[in-house]
C-alpha atoms as a PDB file:
ATOM      1  CA  MET A   1       0.000   0.000   0.000  1.00  0.00           C
ATOM      2  CA  THR A   2       1.425   3.345  -1.017  1.00  0.00           C
ATOM      3  CA  ILE A   3       0.178   6.562   0.542  1.00  0.00           C
ATOM      4  CA  GLU A   4       0.189   9.849  -1.303  1.00  0.00           C
ATOM      5  CA  GLY A   5      -1.345  12.561   0.855  1.00  0.00           C
ATOM      6  CA  ARG A   6      -4.938  11.454   1.663  1.00  0.00           C
ATOM      7  CA  ARG A   7      -4.956   8.838  -1.085  1.00  0.00           C
ATOM      8  CA  ARG A   8      -4.005   5.168  -0.748  1.00  0.00           C
ATOM      9  CA  PHE A   9      -3.144   2.855  -3.622  1.00  0.00           C
ATOM     10  CA  PRO A  10      -2.786  -0.940  -3.342  1.00  0.00           C
ATOM     11  CA  ILE A  11       0.326  -2.415  -4.959  1.00  0.00           C
ATOM     12  CA  ARG A  12       0.463  -6.008  -6.180  1.00  0.00           C
ATOM     13  CA  VAL A  13       3.588  -7.669  -7.518  1.00  0.00           C
ATOM     14  CA  ARG A  14       3.555 -10.768  -9.755  1.00  0.00           C
ATOM     15  CA  TYR A  15       6.414 -12.874 -11.045  1.00  0.00           C
ATOM     16  CA  ALA A  16       7.009 -12.840 -14.749  1.00  0.00           C
ATOM     17  CA  THR A  17       5.429 -15.622 -16.772  1.00  0.00           C
ATOM     18  CA  GLU A  18       8.655 -17.634 -17.134  1.00  0.00           C
ATOM     19  CA  PHE A  19       9.002 -17.838 -13.333  1.00  0.00           C
ATOM     20  CA  ARG A  20       5.452 -19.163 -12.718  1.00  0.00           C
ATOM     21  CA  SER A  21       4.546 -21.085 -15.881  1.00  0.00           C
ATOM     22  CA  SER A  22       5.090 -24.585 -14.378  1.00  0.00           C
ATOM     23  CA  PRO A  23       5.517 -26.290 -10.979  1.00  0.00           C
ATOM     24  CA  THR A  24       9.237 -26.675 -11.756  1.00  0.00           C
ATOM     25  CA  ALA A  25       9.640 -22.952 -12.395  1.00  0.00           C
ATOM     26  CA  ILE A  26       7.746 -22.115  -9.223  1.00  0.00           C
ATOM     27  CA  GLY A  27       9.931 -24.546  -7.280  1.00  0.00           C
ATOM     28  CA  GLN A  28      13.044 -22.628  -8.354  1.00  0.00           C
ATOM     29  CA  ILE A  29      11.856 -19.377  -6.776  1.00  0.00           C
ATOM     30  CA  PRO A  30      14.488 -18.419  -4.177  1.00  0.00           C
ATOM     31  CA  ILE A  31      13.392 -17.975  -0.582  1.00  0.00           C
ATOM     32  CA  THR A  32      15.615 -16.025   1.800  1.00  0.00           C
ATOM     33  CA  SER A  33      16.234 -17.858   5.058  1.00  0.00           C
ATOM     34  CA  PRO A  34      16.554 -16.096   8.458  1.00  0.00           C
ATOM     35  CA  ALA A  35      20.315 -16.617   8.215  1.00  0.00           C
ATOM     36  CA  GLY A  36      20.379 -14.741   4.910  1.00  0.00           C
ATOM     37  CA  GLY A  37      20.869 -17.728   2.630  1.00  0.00           C
ATOM     38  CA  SER A  38      18.803 -18.504  -0.481  1.00  0.00           C
ATOM     39  CA  ILE A  39      16.800 -21.753  -0.605  1.00  0.00           C
ATOM     40  CA  PRO A  40      14.663 -22.962  -3.571  1.00  0.00           C
ATOM     41  CA  LEU A  41      10.948 -23.082  -2.795  1.00  0.00           C
ATOM     42  CA  SER A  42      10.836 -26.746  -3.889  1.00  0.00           C
ATOM     43  CA  GLN A  43      12.877 -27.714  -0.807  1.00  0.00           C
ATOM     44  CA  LEU A  44      10.298 -26.126   1.488  1.00  0.00           C
ATOM     45  CA  ALA A  45       7.019 -27.091  -0.206  1.00  0.00           C
ATOM     46  CA  ASP A  46       5.511 -29.853  -2.317  1.00  0.00           C
ATOM     47  CA  ILE A  47       4.406 -28.140  -5.550  1.00  0.00           C
ATOM     48  CA  ARG A  48       2.035 -29.945  -7.930  1.00  0.00           C
ATOM     49  CA  SER A  49      -0.951 -29.210 -10.168  1.00  0.00           C
ATOM     50  CA  LEU A  50      -4.429 -30.052  -8.870  1.00  0.00           C
ATOM     51  CA  GLU A  51      -7.942 -29.348 -10.140  1.00  0.00           C
ATOM     52  CA  GLY A  52      -9.985 -27.116  -7.861  1.00  0.00           C
ATOM     53  CA  PRO A  53     -12.456 -24.244  -7.797  1.00  0.00           C
ATOM     54  CA  SER A  54     -11.601 -21.180  -9.807  1.00  0.00           C
ATOM     55  CA  MET A  55     -12.335 -19.047  -6.749  1.00  0.00           C
ATOM     56  CA  ILE A  56     -12.154 -19.809  -3.027  1.00  0.00           C
ATOM     57  CA  GLN A  57     -15.254 -18.523  -1.227  1.00  0.00           C
ATOM     58  CA  SER A  58     -15.701 -18.045   2.490  1.00  0.00           C
ATOM     59  CA  GLU A  59     -18.547 -17.038   4.777  1.00  0.00           C
ATOM     60  CA  ASN A  60     -18.520 -16.512   8.549  1.00  0.00           C
ATOM     61  CA  GLY A  61     -14.875 -17.505   8.606  1.00  0.00           C
ATOM     62  CA  LEU A  62     -15.548 -20.883   6.914  1.00  0.00           C
ATOM     63  CA  LEU A  63     -14.821 -22.105   3.406  1.00  0.00           C
ATOM     64  CA  ARG A  64     -17.917 -22.366   1.250  1.00  0.00           C
ATOM     65  CA  GLY A  65     -18.783 -24.297  -1.875  1.00  0.00           C
ATOM     66  CA  THR A  66     -21.895 -23.362  -3.881  1.00  0.00           C
ATOM     67  CA  VAL A  67     -24.130 -25.593  -6.000  1.00  0.00           C
ATOM     68  CA  LEU A  68     -26.565 -23.692  -8.225  1.00  0.00           C
ATOM     69  CA  LEU A  69     -29.778 -25.206  -9.603  1.00  0.00           C
ATOM     70  CA  ASN A  70     -33.113 -24.156 -11.096  1.00  0.00           C
ATOM     71  CA  ILE A  71     -36.472 -25.827 -10.434  1.00  0.00           C
ATOM     72  CA  ARG A  72     -39.240 -26.124 -13.013  1.00  0.00           C
ATOM     73  CA  GLY A  73     -42.679 -27.678 -12.764  1.00  0.00           C
ATOM     74  CA  ARG A  74     -42.942 -27.929  -8.969  1.00  0.00           C
ATOM     75  CA  ASP A  75     -42.733 -25.803  -5.857  1.00  0.00           C
ATOM     76  CA  ILE A  76     -39.413 -25.051  -4.213  1.00  0.00           C
ATOM     77  CA  GLY A  77     -40.457 -26.126  -0.723  1.00  0.00           C
ATOM     78  CA  SER A  78     -41.343 -29.743  -1.537  1.00  0.00           C
ATOM     79  CA  PHE A  79     -38.255 -30.101  -3.739  1.00  0.00           C
ATOM     80  CA  VAL A  80     -35.926 -28.942  -0.974  1.00  0.00           C
ATOM     81  CA  GLU A  81     -37.571 -31.241   1.580  1.00  0.00           C
ATOM     82  CA  GLU A  82     -37.141 -34.193  -0.801  1.00  0.00           C
ATOM     83  CA  ALA A  83     -33.545 -33.175  -1.515  1.00  0.00           C
ATOM     84  CA  LYS A  84     -32.795 -32.954   2.212  1.00  0.00           C
ATOM     85  CA  ASP A  85     -34.046 -36.519   2.729  1.00  0.00           C
ATOM     86  CA  ALA A  86     -32.014 -37.802  -0.234  1.00  0.00           C
ATOM     87  CA  ILE A  87     -28.814 -36.096   0.964  1.00  0.00           C
ATOM     88  CA  ARG A  88     -29.310 -37.339   4.505  1.00  0.00           C
ATOM     89  CA  ASP A  89     -29.792 -40.934   3.305  1.00  0.00           C
ATOM     90  CA  LYS A  90     -27.197 -41.104   0.517  1.00  0.00           C
ATOM     91  CA  VAL A  91     -24.474 -38.558   1.295  1.00  0.00           C
ATOM     92  CA  GLU A  92     -22.111 -38.957   4.223  1.00  0.00           C
ATOM     93  CA  MET A  93     -20.775 -35.533   5.124  1.00  0.00           C
ATOM     94  CA  PRO A  94     -17.186 -35.341   6.487  1.00  0.00           C
ATOM     95  CA  ALA A  95     -16.650 -34.014   9.977  1.00  0.00           C
ATOM     96  CA  GLY A  96     -17.046 -30.248  10.086  1.00  0.00           C
ATOM     97  CA  TYR A  97     -19.109 -30.040   6.887  1.00  0.00           C
ATOM     98  CA  TYR A  98     -22.760 -29.013   6.753  1.00  0.00           C
ATOM     99  CA  ILE A  99     -25.333 -27.961   4.132  1.00  0.00           C
ATOM    100  CA  THR A 100     -27.574 -24.894   4.076  1.00  0.00           C
ATOM    101  CA  TRP A 101     -30.194 -23.952   1.470  1.00  0.00           C
ATOM    102  CA  SER A 102     -30.298 -20.375   0.274  1.00  0.00           C
ATOM    103  CA  GLY A 103     -31.677 -18.332  -2.615  1.00  0.00           C
ATOM    104  CA  GLN A 104     -35.419 -18.317  -3.301  1.00  0.00           C
ATOM    105  CA  TYR A 105     -36.007 -21.099  -0.771  1.00  0.00           C
ATOM    106  CA  GLU A 106     -34.453 -19.039   2.007  1.00  0.00           C
ATOM    107  CA  ASN A 107     -36.544 -16.012   1.040  1.00  0.00           C
ATOM    108  CA  GLN A 108     -39.675 -18.153   0.856  1.00  0.00           C
ATOM    109  CA  GLU A 109     -39.065 -19.629   4.304  1.00  0.00           C
ATOM    110  CA  ARG A 110     -38.501 -16.165   5.741  1.00  0.00           C
ATOM    111  CA  ALA A 111     -41.742 -14.932   4.157  1.00  0.00           C
ATOM    112  CA  ARG A 112     -43.606 -18.035   5.372  1.00  0.00           C
ATOM    113  CA  GLN A 113     -42.522 -17.368   8.942  1.00  0.00           C
ATOM    114  CA  ARG A 114     -43.846 -13.831   8.625  1.00  0.00           C
ATOM    115  CA  LEU A 115     -47.133 -15.019   7.114  1.00  0.00           C
ATOM    116  CA  LEU A 116     -47.638 -17.453  10.003  1.00  0.00           C
ATOM    117  CA  ILE A 117     -47.823 -14.339  12.156  1.00  0.00           C
ATOM    118  CA  VAL A 118     -49.536 -11.965   9.723  1.00  0.00           C
ATOM    119  CA  VAL A 119     -52.485 -14.200   8.696  1.00  0.00           C
ATOM    120  CA  PRO A 120     -53.735 -14.898  12.272  1.00  0.00           C
ATOM    121  CA  ILE A 121     -53.307 -11.213  13.107  1.00  0.00           C
ATOM    122  CA  VAL A 122     -55.389 -10.264  10.039  1.00  0.00           C
ATOM    123  CA  LEU A 123     -58.178 -12.646  11.071  1.00  0.00           C
ATOM    124  CA  LEU A 124     -58.026 -11.387  14.657  1.00  0.00           C
ATOM    125  CA  ILE A 125     -58.267  -7.761  13.529  1.00  0.00           C
ATOM    126  CA  ILE A 126     -61.250  -8.596  11.297  1.00  0.00           C
ATOM    127  CA  PHE A 127     -63.002 -10.403  14.151  1.00  0.00           C
ATOM    128  CA  ALA A 128     -62.273  -7.581  16.616  1.00  0.00           C
ATOM    129  CA  THR A 129     -63.618  -5.002  14.157  1.00  0.00           C
ATOM    130  CA  LEU A 130     -66.794  -7.043  13.658  1.00  0.00           C
ATOM    131  CA  TYR A 131     -67.279  -7.447  17.395  1.00  0.00           C
ATOM    132  CA  ILE A 132     -66.867  -3.700  17.956  1.00  0.00           C
ATOM    133  CA  THR A 133     -69.447  -3.096  15.221  1.00  0.00           C
ATOM    134  CA  TYR A 134     -72.105  -5.633  16.297  1.00  0.00           C
ATOM    135  CA  HIS A 135     -71.253  -6.087  20.022  1.00  0.00           C
ATOM    136  CA  SER A 136     -71.899  -9.804  19.647  1.00  0.00           C
ATOM    137  CA  PHE A 137     -69.544 -12.752  19.342  1.00  0.00           C
ATOM    138  CA  LEU A 138     -72.189 -14.723  17.429  1.00  0.00           C
ATOM    139  CA  GLU A 139     -72.720 -11.969  14.875  1.00  0.00           C
ATOM    140  CA  ALA A 140     -68.973 -11.523  14.429  1.00  0.00           C
ATOM    141  CA  ALA A 141     -68.460 -15.285  14.037  1.00  0.00           C
ATOM    142  CA  HIS A 142     -71.402 -15.420  11.622  1.00  0.00           C
ATOM    143  CA  ILE A 143     -69.837 -12.854   9.310  1.00  0.00           C
ATOM    144  CA  LEU A 144     -66.338 -14.308   9.713  1.00  0.00           C
ATOM    145  CA  LEU A 145     -67.742 -17.625   8.493  1.00  0.00           C
ATOM    146  CA  ALA A 146     -67.400 -16.172   4.992  1.00  0.00           C
ATOM    147  CA  VAL A 147     -63.644 -16.744   5.226  1.00  0.00           C
ATOM    148  CA  PRO A 148     -63.654 -20.594   5.154  1.00  0.00           C
ATOM    149  CA  PHE A 149     -66.235 -20.578   2.339  1.00  0.00           C
ATOM    150  CA  ALA A 150     -64.021 -18.217   0.353  1.00  0.00           C
ATOM    151  CA  LEU A 151     -60.996 -20.407   1.120  1.00  0.00           C
ATOM    152  CA  THR A 152     -62.817 -23.387  -0.397  1.00  0.00           C
ATOM    153  CA  GLY A 153     -63.132 -21.759  -3.806  1.00  0.00           C
ATOM    154  CA  GLY A 154     -59.583 -20.413  -3.715  1.00  0.00           C
ATOM    155  CA  PHE A 155     -58.072 -23.793  -2.816  1.00  0.00           C
ATOM    156  CA  TYR A 156     -60.146 -25.622  -5.413  1.00  0.00           C
ATOM    157  CA  LEU A 157     -59.130 -23.271  -8.228  1.00  0.00           C
ATOM    158  CA  LEU A 158     -55.473 -23.526  -7.206  1.00  0.00           C
ATOM    159  CA  TRP A 159     -55.780 -27.317  -7.400  1.00  0.00           C
ATOM    160  CA  MET A 160     -57.453 -27.155 -10.820  1.00  0.00           C
ATOM    161  CA  LEU A 161     -54.764 -24.867 -12.249  1.00  0.00           C
ATOM    162  CA  GLN A 162     -51.959 -26.878 -10.589  1.00  0.00           C
ATOM    163  CA  TYR A 163     -50.490 -23.838  -8.856  1.00  0.00           C
ATOM    164  CA  ASN A 164     -48.149 -24.369  -5.941  1.00  0.00           C
ATOM    165  CA  PHE A 165     -48.398 -22.445  -2.705  1.00  0.00           C
ATOM    166  CA  SER A 166     -46.192 -19.375  -2.574  1.00  0.00           C
ATOM    167  CA  VAL A 167     -46.007 -15.984  -0.940  1.00  0.00           C
ATOM    168  CA  ALA A 168     -48.065 -14.489  -3.790  1.00  0.00           C
ATOM    169  CA  VAL A 169     -50.819 -17.063  -3.170  1.00  0.00           C
ATOM    170  CA  TRP A 170     -51.042 -16.181   0.520  1.00  0.00           C
ATOM    171  CA  VAL A 171     -51.136 -12.475  -0.293  1.00  0.00           C
ATOM    172  CA  GLY A 172     -54.072 -13.236  -2.587  1.00  0.00           C
ATOM    173  CA  PHE A 173     -55.834 -15.088   0.235  1.00  0.00           C
ATOM    174  CA  ILE A 174     -55.375 -12.113   2.573  1.00  0.00           C
ATOM    175  CA  ALA A 175     -56.992  -9.851  -0.040  1.00  0.00           C
ATOM    176  CA  LEU A 176     -59.776 -12.439  -0.411  1.00  0.00           C
ATOM    177  CA  PHE A 177     -60.479 -12.398   3.330  1.00  0.00           C
ATOM    178  CA  GLY A 178     -61.274  -8.693   3.248  1.00  0.00           C
ATOM    179  CA  ALA A 179     -63.433  -8.873   0.122  1.00  0.00           C
ATOM    180  CA  ALA A 180     -65.445 -11.851   1.396  1.00  0.00           C
ATOM    181  CA  VAL A 181     -66.095 -10.291   4.800  1.00  0.00           C
ATOM    182  CA  GLN A 182     -67.066  -6.983   3.230  1.00  0.00           C
ATOM    183  CA  THR A 183     -69.687  -8.541   0.951  1.00  0.00           C
ATOM    184  CA  THR A 184     -71.099 -10.546   3.868  1.00  0.00           C
ATOM    185  CA  ILE A 185     -71.424  -7.386   5.962  1.00  0.00           C
ATOM    186  CA  VAL A 186     -73.391  -5.735   3.166  1.00  0.00           C
ATOM    187  CA  MET A 187     -75.726  -8.732   3.001  1.00  0.00           C
ATOM    188  CA  VAL A 188     -76.293  -8.606   6.770  1.00  0.00           C
ATOM    189  CA  VAL A 189     -77.070  -4.888   6.518  1.00  0.00           C
ATOM    190  CA  TYR A 190     -79.698  -5.606   3.843  1.00  0.00           C
ATOM    191  CA  LEU A 191     -81.232  -8.373   5.983  1.00  0.00           C
ATOM    192  CA  GLU A 192     -81.373  -6.162   9.067  1.00  0.00           C
ATOM    193  CA  GLU A 193     -83.058  -3.380   7.110  1.00  0.00           C
ATOM    194  CA  ALA A 194     -85.602  -5.847   5.695  1.00  0.00           C
ATOM    195  CA  VAL A 195     -86.397  -7.193   9.177  1.00  0.00           C
ATOM    196  CA  LYS A 196     -86.755  -3.650  10.509  1.00  0.00           C
ATOM    197  CA  ARG A 197     -89.162  -2.715   7.692  1.00  0.00           C
ATOM    198  CA  LYS A 198     -91.224  -5.831   8.319  1.00  0.00           C
ATOM    199  CA  ALA A 199     -91.341  -5.085  12.042  1.00  0.00           C
ATOM    200  CA  ASP A 200     -92.609  -1.565  11.301  1.00  0.00           C
ATOM    201  CA  GLU A 201     -95.325  -3.031   9.051  1.00  0.00           C
ATOM    202  CA  VAL A 202     -96.684  -5.833  11.246  1.00  0.00           C
ATOM    203  CA  GLY A 203     -95.507  -4.755  14.672  1.00  0.00           C
ATOM    204  CA  GLN A 204     -94.561  -7.984  16.483  1.00  0.00           C
ATOM    205  CA  LEU A 205     -92.560 -10.442  14.379  1.00  0.00           C
ATOM    206  CA  ASP A 206     -93.078 -14.190  14.442  1.00  0.00           C
ATOM    207  CA  ARG A 207     -91.273 -16.957  12.569  1.00  0.00           C
ATOM    208  CA  GLU A 208     -93.345 -16.613   9.410  1.00  0.00           C
ATOM    209  CA  THR A 209     -93.014 -12.847   9.100  1.00  0.00           C
ATOM    210  CA  LEU A 210     -89.325 -13.101  10.009  1.00  0.00           C
ATOM    211  CA  LEU A 211     -88.791 -15.652   7.239  1.00  0.00           C
ATOM    212  CA  GLU A 212     -90.582 -13.373   4.791  1.00  0.00           C
ATOM    213  CA  ALA A 213     -88.381 -10.453   5.805  1.00  0.00           C
ATOM    214  CA  VAL A 214     -85.169 -12.450   5.484  1.00  0.00           C
ATOM    215  CA  THR A 215     -86.227 -13.821   2.096  1.00  0.00           C
ATOM    216  CA  GLU A 216     -87.108 -10.318   0.891  1.00  0.00           C
ATOM    217  CA  GLY A 217     -83.752  -8.941   2.044  1.00  0.00           C
ATOM    218  CA  ALA A 218     -81.803 -11.780   0.416  1.00  0.00           C
ATOM    219  CA  LEU A 219     -83.625 -11.357  -2.891  1.00  0.00           C
ATOM    220  CA  LEU A 220     -83.066  -7.610  -2.755  1.00  0.00           C
ATOM    221  CA  ARG A 221     -79.330  -8.210  -2.405  1.00  0.00           C
ATOM    222  CA  LEU A 222     -79.179 -10.843  -5.180  1.00  0.00           C
ATOM    223  CA  ARG A 223     -78.545  -8.511  -8.118  1.00  0.00           C
ATOM    224  CA  PRO A 224     -75.996  -6.207  -6.363  1.00  0.00           C
ATOM    225  CA  LYS A 225     -74.084  -9.203  -5.047  1.00  0.00           C
ATOM    226  CA  VAL A 226     -73.909 -10.894  -8.451  1.00  0.00           C
ATOM    227  CA  MET A 227     -72.804  -7.607 -10.019  1.00  0.00           C
ATOM    228  CA  THR A 228     -70.089  -7.156  -7.383  1.00  0.00           C
ATOM    229  CA  VAL A 229     -68.699 -10.640  -7.889  1.00  0.00           C
ATOM    230  CA  MET A 230     -68.853 -10.377 -11.687  1.00  0.00           C
ATOM    231  CA  THR A 231     -67.008  -7.034 -11.562  1.00  0.00           C
ATOM    232  CA  ILE A 232     -64.185  -8.586  -9.529  1.00  0.00           C
ATOM    233  CA  VAL A 233     -64.070 -11.732 -11.664  1.00  0.00           C
ATOM    234  CA  VAL A 234     -64.047  -9.833 -14.966  1.00  0.00           C
ATOM    235  CA  GLY A 235     -61.360  -7.516 -13.617  1.00  0.00           C
ATOM    236  CA  LEU A 236     -59.172 -10.503 -12.741  1.00  0.00           C
ATOM    237  CA  LEU A 237     -59.589 -12.303 -16.075  1.00  0.00           C
ATOM    238  CA  PRO A 238     -56.838 -10.312 -17.864  1.00  0.00           C
ATOM    239  CA  ILE A 239     -54.439 -11.219 -15.052  1.00  0.00           C
ATOM    240  CA  MET A 240     -55.435 -14.895 -15.224  1.00  0.00           C
ATOM    241  CA  TRP A 241     -54.763 -14.945 -18.990  1.00  0.00           C
ATOM    242  CA  SER A 242     -51.607 -12.835 -18.933  1.00  0.00           C
ATOM    243  CA  SER A 243     -48.316 -14.345 -20.052  1.00  0.00           C
ATOM    244  CA  GLY A 244     -45.940 -11.381 -20.040  1.00  0.00           C
ATOM    245  CA  ALA A 245     -43.275 -10.297 -17.594  1.00  0.00           C
ATOM    246  CA  GLY A 246     -44.420 -10.709 -13.994  1.00  0.00           C
ATOM    247  CA  SER A 247     -47.351 -12.969 -14.867  1.00  0.00           C
ATOM    248  CA  GLU A 248     -45.793 -15.867 -12.940  1.00  0.00           C
ATOM    249  CA  VAL A 249     -46.360 -13.812  -9.776  1.00  0.00           C
ATOM    250  CA  MET A 250     -49.649 -12.086 -10.634  1.00  0.00           C
ATOM    251  CA  ARG A 251     -51.521 -15.224 -11.739  1.00  0.00           C
ATOM    252  CA  PRO A 252     -51.027 -17.104  -8.450  1.00  0.00           C
ATOM    253  CA  LEU A 253     -51.946 -13.911  -6.591  1.00  0.00           C
ATOM    254  CA  ALA A 254     -55.202 -13.436  -8.510  1.00  0.00           C
ATOM    255  CA  THR A 255     -56.248 -17.115  -8.492  1.00  0.00           C
ATOM    256  CA  PRO A 256     -57.370 -17.308  -4.810  1.00  0.00           C
ATOM    257  CA  VAL A 257     -59.389 -14.103  -5.189  1.00  0.00           C
ATOM    258  CA  PHE A 258     -60.990 -15.375  -8.412  1.00  0.00           C
ATOM    259  CA  GLY A 259     -62.044 -18.741  -7.006  1.00  0.00           C
ATOM    260  CA  GLY A 260     -62.869 -17.433  -3.541  1.00  0.00           C
ATOM    261  CA  MET A 261     -65.251 -14.759  -4.786  1.00  0.00           C
ATOM    262  CA  VAL A 262     -67.220 -17.361  -6.736  1.00  0.00           C
ATOM    263  CA  SER A 263     -67.608 -19.645  -3.706  1.00  0.00           C
ATOM    264  CA  SER A 264     -68.358 -16.692  -1.416  1.00  0.00           C
ATOM    265  CA  LEU A 265     -71.214 -15.783  -3.776  1.00  0.00           C
ATOM    266  CA  LEU A 266     -72.968 -19.037  -2.842  1.00  0.00           C
ATOM    267  CA  HIS A 267     -72.223 -18.453   0.820  1.00  0.00           C
ATOM    268  CA  VAL A 268     -73.548 -14.905   0.916  1.00  0.00           C
ATOM    269  CA  LEU A 269     -76.709 -15.648  -1.098  1.00  0.00           C
ATOM    270  CA  ILE A 270     -77.632 -18.960   0.572  1.00  0.00           C
ATOM    271  CA  VAL A 271     -75.786 -19.650   3.820  1.00  0.00           C
ATOM    272  CA  THR A 272     -75.701 -16.121   5.246  1.00  0.00           C
ATOM    273  CA  PRO A 273     -79.517 -15.599   5.129  1.00  0.00           C
ATOM    274  CA  VAL A 274     -80.083 -19.026   6.727  1.00  0.00           C
ATOM    275  CA  ILE A 275     -77.696 -18.328   9.608  1.00  0.00           C
ATOM    276  CA  PHE A 276     -79.133 -14.835  10.004  1.00  0.00           C
ATOM    277  CA  TYR A 277     -82.604 -16.371  10.241  1.00  0.00           C
ATOM    278  CA  TRP A 278     -81.475 -18.863  12.894  1.00  0.00           C
ATOM    279  CA  LEU A 279     -79.896 -16.103  14.975  1.00  0.00           C
ATOM    280  CA  SER A 280     -83.015 -13.959  14.631  1.00  0.00           C
ATOM    281  CA  VAL A 281     -85.257 -16.848  15.720  1.00  0.00           C
ATOM    282  CA  ARG A 282     -82.996 -17.342  18.710  1.00  0.00           C
ATOM    283  CA  GLU A 283     -83.395 -13.674  19.560  1.00  0.00           C
ATOM    284  CA  LEU A 284     -87.195 -13.958  19.207  1.00  0.00           C
ATOM    285  CA  LYS A 285     -87.278 -16.899  21.645  1.00  0.00           C
ATOM    286  CA  ARG A 286     -85.181 -14.958  24.107  1.00  0.00           C
ATOM    287  CA  ASN A 287     -87.571 -11.993  23.938  1.00  0.00           C
ATOM    288  CA  GLU A 288     -90.605 -14.272  24.354  1.00  0.00           C
ATOM    289  CA  ASP A 289     -89.055 -15.866  27.456  1.00  0.00           C
ATOM    290  CA  LEU A 290     -88.511 -12.430  28.932  1.00  0.00           C
END
């Protein structure tokens, strides 16, 4: 290293080609002993040609060798798990050697660990918001029931299209949770308004008038709900058919939303009014007992 004012320049010295062209030439390099004598390098070291890596890599103070590979036609997670089993059964690692998996698999595992925390928190926040709105655990659970119905359609469409689970897929499911719960809330609002109108008309509700009110509210919501789902589905079709740059990420992200909105349509139009009717009948019985 040479220093010129505030600047530093590294200096490297190499032997000429004739002094390093062969093991014999390298062995003739003179080495000065502590006593001042000159000894050929061949008398101090065994010099020979060996095949090895073009570059020596190290990490955390340890030597590292890298094996690169690409995976096509299957998910990274299952491949790595299968590869781990094969290496454990067929490869005997020398003492001090170990294997770690990096690259996309490492990023996917890191994202999966985050999603294991994020997804329950999302569901908990949705449930807490519903409870604050309706002040009832049953009502909140009733609306949150849209989530498993939406999951059914998302999982089924993923299976049909042979998509593997990835971070993009789970992000799509999180978006689906919000959309499914929102549409269910709107349906419940329509049903409550229909029951309130019927109560204003007839005064005291019984099971028959309650059923009429719930049926009227569900039918009133039929067209808006179908239009909402069709708008989302039609908006996702270009993504589902895309094949350009980034489509390998966007298609798995849109697939859960596409399939989940279709299955949530059946839930909101059929299951939600039935559960709402059961809860309303339960409330009527409670009022009659009082």
